[in-house]
């Protein structure tokens, strides 16, 4: 090997192969596309959160007698006049509160304007209050007016259990107004649930603070899209770096990695 070839043997050039280039371009298109999609989702989610904040800040308004588009009313503060059907409570699986497991109580509310029923979520009760007779102290009798926040029930996720066909006294996994009304042999139920705002109702003596006295407004909208976008863009940058480093070959080899006789002096 002559001196020129020996010097070239230590030099490396970027000489990518066709297969590596095509694979890398596909990977970059995929990861950059997913990262951009997450940025779009981030903008959408931030606008949604802002819109929900504006809705919840509005003063309560009477819930209309007919709700053609439930999504337009979600997270709106509303008022209802009528009476609770206390003997027809429904129990919904709830997250633990103050270290106690239990349920949320949904009570059918007969509207005074004759517009049918609305399921009202009155709040949390511990497991030992499952039997209806243990909750009578919190019953609200006669005509009343309540304020609450409208929520649109969502179907269970892919890995979440469904309700099946529960009877009137069963515990429900998620709110389903039509099915719940059918289980109670009731009709004319609104397609939404109204979560009663705190400070209303009687509560239950000897139970956790706030029990059956309403629900603090809650918005459960995870917003991790920026982290996801940065992850995808980071993968794209890593892939590009690996591609460049892996395709830098010695100057005395061809694109297939074999020695180039023109440079080796052979």
Protein backbone atom coordinates (compact mmCIF):
# COMPACT_ATOMS: atom_id res chain seq x y z
CA UNK A 1 0.00 0.00 0.00
CA UNK A 2 1.52 3.39 -0.95
CA UNK A 3 1.58 6.49 1.28
CA UNK A 4 -1.48 8.06 -0.34
CA UNK A 5 -3.56 4.94 0.12
CA UNK A 6 -2.42 4.64 3.74
CA UNK A 7 -3.60 8.18 4.46
CA UNK A 8 -6.92 7.58 2.78
CA UNK A 9 -7.41 4.43 4.82
CA UNK A 10 -7.80 6.58 7.95
CA UNK A 11 -10.29 8.96 6.35
CA UNK A 12 -14.02 8.35 6.34
CA UNK A 13 -16.64 9.69 4.02
CA UNK A 14 -20.44 9.81 4.19
CA UNK A 15 -21.34 7.20 1.60
CA UNK A 16 -24.86 5.95 2.46
CA UNK A 17 -26.35 2.82 0.99
CA UNK A 18 -29.70 2.95 -0.76
CA UNK A 19 -31.38 0.54 1.69
CA UNK A 20 -30.26 2.50 4.75
CA UNK A 21 -31.39 5.76 3.17
CA UNK A 22 -34.85 4.47 2.33
CA UNK A 23 -35.36 2.97 5.77
CA UNK A 24 -34.19 6.17 7.45
CA UNK A 25 -36.42 8.38 5.31
CA UNK A 26 -39.41 6.24 6.19
CA UNK A 27 -38.54 6.38 9.89
CA UNK A 28 -38.04 10.16 9.81
CA UNK A 29 -41.33 10.70 7.99
CA UNK A 30 -43.11 8.56 10.57
CA UNK A 31 -41.57 10.08 13.72
CA UNK A 32 -41.72 13.69 12.51
CA UNK A 33 -45.30 13.17 11.35
CA UNK A 34 -46.32 11.77 14.73
CA UNK A 35 -44.57 14.60 16.53
CA UNK A 36 -46.38 17.19 14.41
CA UNK A 37 -49.68 15.42 15.01
CA UNK A 38 -49.07 15.66 18.76
CA UNK A 39 -48.43 19.41 18.42
CA UNK A 40 -51.77 19.73 16.64
CA UNK A 41 -53.40 17.72 19.42
CA UNK A 42 -51.73 20.01 21.97
CA UNK A 43 -53.23 23.09 20.36
CA UNK A 44 -56.64 21.40 20.20
CA UNK A 45 -56.46 20.32 23.85
CA UNK A 46 -55.41 23.75 25.07
CA UNK A 47 -58.30 25.35 23.20
CA UNK A 48 -60.66 22.74 24.64
CA UNK A 49 -59.46 23.40 28.20
CA UNK A 50 -59.83 27.15 27.67
CA UNK A 51 -63.34 26.65 26.28
CA UNK A 52 -64.30 24.49 29.25
CA UNK A 53 -62.93 27.15 31.61
CA UNK A 54 -65.07 29.80 29.92
CA UNK A 55 -68.15 27.61 30.16
CA UNK A 56 -67.65 26.85 33.83
CA UNK A 57 -67.12 30.55 34.58
CA UNK A 58 -70.51 31.48 33.16
CA UNK A 59 -73.37 32.01 35.64
CA UNK A 60 -75.80 29.10 35.98
CA UNK A 61 -78.60 28.99 33.45
CA UNK A 62 -81.75 26.81 33.50
CA UNK A 63 -81.20 23.49 31.75
CA UNK A 64 -83.36 23.48 28.60
CA UNK A 65 -86.26 21.09 28.41
CA UNK A 66 -84.79 19.51 25.28
CA UNK A 67 -81.08 18.80 24.73
CA UNK A 68 -80.45 18.08 21.07
CA UNK A 69 -76.66 18.46 21.30
CA UNK A 70 -75.40 17.30 24.72
CA UNK A 71 -71.79 18.23 23.91
CA UNK A 72 -72.80 21.89 23.66
CA UNK A 73 -73.92 21.79 27.28
CA UNK A 74 -71.08 19.81 28.81
CA UNK A 75 -69.35 21.64 31.69
CA UNK A 76 -72.05 24.33 31.71
CA UNK A 77 -73.39 25.41 35.09
CA UNK A 78 -77.17 24.96 35.16
CA UNK A 79 -80.11 25.13 37.53
CA UNK A 80 -82.91 22.62 37.95
CA UNK A 81 -86.24 22.97 39.73
CA UNK A 82 -88.24 19.92 40.78
CA UNK A 83 -87.97 17.07 43.25
CA UNK A 84 -85.70 14.11 43.89
CA UNK A 85 -87.04 10.57 43.53
CA UNK A 86 -85.14 9.56 46.65
CA UNK A 87 -86.25 5.94 46.68
CA UNK A 88 -84.70 5.34 43.25
CA UNK A 89 -81.04 6.09 43.98
CA UNK A 90 -78.42 4.49 41.75
CA UNK A 91 -74.85 3.71 42.81
CA UNK A 92 -71.87 4.41 40.59
CA UNK A 93 -68.36 3.10 41.29
CA UNK A 94 -66.26 6.03 42.56
CA UNK A 95 -62.64 6.79 43.26
CA UNK A 96 -61.64 6.55 46.94
CA UNK A 97 -62.10 9.74 48.93
CA UNK A 98 -60.39 10.61 52.20
CA UNK A 99 -59.04 7.07 52.34
CA UNK A 100 -62.46 5.47 51.95
CA UNK A 101 -63.80 3.43 49.06
CA UNK A 102 -67.37 3.88 48.03
CA UNK A 103 -69.83 5.09 45.44
CA UNK A 104 -71.34 8.17 43.88
CA UNK A 105 -75.10 8.45 44.27
CA UNK A 106 -77.15 9.29 41.18
CA UNK A 107 -80.73 10.25 41.99
CA UNK A 108 -83.45 10.78 39.36
CA UNK A 109 -84.75 14.35 39.51
CA UNK A 110 -88.31 15.02 38.32
CA UNK A 111 -88.33 18.42 36.67
CA UNK A 112 -91.01 20.90 37.69
CA UNK A 113 -91.43 22.13 34.11
CA UNK A 114 -92.68 18.72 33.00
CA UNK A 115 -89.59 18.10 30.85
CA UNK A 116 -88.98 14.64 32.28
CA UNK A 117 -86.09 13.37 34.40
CA UNK A 118 -82.45 14.25 34.88
CA UNK A 119 -79.97 12.07 36.75
CA UNK A 120 -78.29 14.16 39.44
CA UNK A 121 -74.97 13.06 40.91
CA UNK A 122 -75.27 14.07 44.56
CA UNK A 123 -71.76 13.03 45.58
CA UNK A 124 -69.84 10.35 47.41
CA UNK A 125 -70.91 7.81 50.03
CA UNK A 126 -68.65 5.22 51.71
CA UNK A 127 -69.22 1.55 51.06
CA UNK A 128 -71.09 0.97 54.32
CA UNK A 129 -73.81 3.33 53.03
CA UNK A 130 -74.69 1.11 50.12
CA UNK A 131 -78.09 0.12 51.53
CA UNK A 132 -80.73 2.80 50.70
CA UNK A 133 -82.02 2.97 54.29
CA UNK A 134 -78.60 4.16 55.48
CA UNK A 135 -78.92 7.29 53.32
CA UNK A 136 -82.41 8.46 54.31
CA UNK A 137 -81.00 11.19 56.55
CA UNK A 138 -79.73 12.95 53.41
CA UNK A 139 -82.95 12.76 51.42
CA UNK A 140 -84.23 16.09 50.13
CA UNK A 141 -88.02 16.03 50.24
CA UNK A 142 -90.44 18.14 48.25
CA UNK A 143 -89.82 20.82 45.64
CA UNK A 144 -86.29 22.22 45.50
CA UNK A 145 -83.93 24.05 43.18
CA UNK A 146 -80.37 22.90 42.68
CA UNK A 147 -77.34 24.11 40.78
CA UNK A 148 -74.92 21.76 39.05
CA UNK A 149 -72.54 21.17 36.19
CA UNK A 150 -73.60 19.21 33.11
CA UNK A 151 -71.54 16.16 32.21
CA UNK A 152 -71.98 13.94 29.16
CA UNK A 153 -71.52 10.25 30.05
CA UNK A 154 -68.77 8.54 28.08
CA UNK A 155 -68.70 4.87 27.03
CA UNK A 156 -66.13 2.67 28.76
CA UNK A 157 -62.65 2.47 27.30
CA UNK A 158 -61.19 -0.57 25.59
CA UNK A 159 -59.89 -2.09 28.84
CA UNK A 160 -62.65 -0.82 31.15
CA UNK A 161 -65.51 -3.06 32.25
CA UNK A 162 -68.98 -2.27 30.99
CA UNK A 163 -72.22 -2.22 32.93
CA UNK A 164 -73.64 -5.44 31.55
CA UNK A 165 -77.35 -5.61 32.37
CA UNK A 166 -77.53 -4.48 36.02
CA UNK A 167 -80.79 -4.44 37.92
CA UNK A 168 -82.14 -1.45 39.82
CA UNK A 169 -80.18 -2.22 42.99
CA UNK A 170 -76.87 -3.03 41.30
CA UNK A 171 -73.71 -0.96 41.24
CA UNK A 172 -72.92 0.66 37.90
CA UNK A 173 -69.45 0.97 36.40
CA UNK A 174 -70.20 4.12 34.40
CA UNK A 175 -73.17 6.45 33.96
CA UNK A 176 -75.64 5.50 31.23
CA UNK A 177 -78.87 7.52 31.61
CA UNK A 178 -81.05 5.52 29.17
CA UNK A 179 -80.01 2.15 30.64
CA UNK A 180 -80.32 3.45 34.20
CA UNK A 181 -83.80 4.81 33.54
CA UNK A 182 -84.82 1.50 31.97
CA UNK A 183 -83.55 -0.40 35.01
CA UNK A 184 -85.79 1.79 37.18
CA UNK A 185 -88.74 1.50 34.76
CA UNK A 186 -88.59 5.24 34.15
CA UNK A 187 -88.79 7.11 30.87
CA UNK A 188 -88.06 10.54 29.48
CA UNK A 189 -84.56 10.86 30.95
CA UNK A 190 -82.13 13.51 29.70
CA UNK A 191 -78.96 12.26 27.93
CA UNK A 192 -76.73 14.03 30.46
CA UNK A 193 -75.88 13.86 34.15
CA UNK A 194 -75.89 16.97 36.34
CA UNK A 195 -73.21 16.94 39.04
CA UNK A 196 -74.66 18.90 41.94
CA UNK A 197 -72.36 21.69 43.09
CA UNK A 198 -71.03 21.60 46.70
CA UNK A 199 -72.91 23.11 49.62
CA UNK A 200 -76.33 21.76 48.67
CA UNK A 201 -78.34 19.00 50.26
CA UNK A 202 -78.21 17.73 53.83
CA UNK A 203 -75.18 15.50 53.83
CA UNK A 204 -74.92 12.42 56.02
CA UNK A 205 -74.11 12.60 59.73
CA UNK A 206 -71.05 10.62 60.74
CA UNK A 207 -69.83 10.33 57.14
CA UNK A 208 -66.87 12.07 55.46
CA UNK A 209 -67.19 15.83 55.03
CA UNK A 210 -69.21 16.73 51.96
CA UNK A 211 -70.86 13.33 51.65
CA UNK A 212 -73.99 13.64 49.50
CA UNK A 213 -73.59 17.43 49.55
CA UNK A 214 -72.45 17.88 45.98
CA UNK A 215 -69.30 17.51 43.92
CA UNK A 216 -66.47 19.94 43.39
CA UNK A 217 -66.33 20.70 39.64
CA UNK A 218 -63.78 18.42 38.05
CA UNK A 219 -62.16 18.45 34.64
CA UNK A 220 -60.20 15.28 33.90
CA UNK A 221 -58.47 16.11 30.64
CA UNK A 222 -54.86 14.88 30.62
CA UNK A 223 -52.64 17.05 28.47
CA UNK A 224 -49.37 15.22 27.79
CA UNK A 225 -49.16 16.04 24.09
CA UNK A 226 -46.08 18.28 24.41
CA UNK A 227 -44.12 15.46 26.07
CA UNK A 228 -45.28 13.03 23.38
CA UNK A 229 -44.26 15.48 20.63
CA UNK A 230 -40.79 15.97 22.13
CA UNK A 231 -40.41 12.20 22.41
CA UNK A 232 -41.21 11.67 18.73
CA UNK A 233 -38.96 14.53 17.61
CA UNK A 234 -36.20 13.16 19.83
CA UNK A 235 -36.53 9.76 18.20
CA UNK A 236 -36.31 11.43 14.78
CA UNK A 237 -33.09 13.21 15.78
CA UNK A 238 -31.65 9.99 17.19
CA UNK A 239 -32.50 8.09 14.02
CA UNK A 240 -30.85 10.77 11.88
CA UNK A 241 -27.71 10.65 14.03
CA UNK A 242 -27.49 6.87 13.84
CA UNK A 243 -27.93 7.03 10.07
CA UNK A 244 -25.11 9.54 9.59
CA UNK A 245 -22.68 7.71 11.88
CA UNK A 246 -23.44 4.28 10.47
CA UNK A 247 -23.02 5.40 6.87
CA UNK A 248 -19.63 7.03 7.28
CA UNK A 249 -17.29 4.53 5.61
CA UNK A 250 -13.55 4.39 5.15
CA UNK A 251 -12.46 6.26 2.05
CA UNK A 252 -10.80 3.13 0.63
CA UNK A 253 -14.10 1.18 0.58
CA UNK A 254 -17.08 1.33 -1.72
CA UNK A 255 -20.69 1.93 -0.74
CA UNK A 256 -21.05 -1.81 -0.13
CA UNK A 257 -18.23 -1.75 2.45
CA UNK A 258 -15.81 -3.76 0.29
CA UNK A 259 -12.30 -2.51 -0.47
CA UNK A 260 -12.08 -0.13 -3.44
CA UNK A 261 -9.10 -1.27 -5.56
CA UNK A 262 -8.81 2.20 -7.04
CA UNK A 263 -7.87 3.62 -3.64
CA UNK A 264 -6.00 0.72 -2.12
CA UNK A 265 -3.23 0.78 -4.72
CA UNK A 266 -3.75 -2.89 -5.59
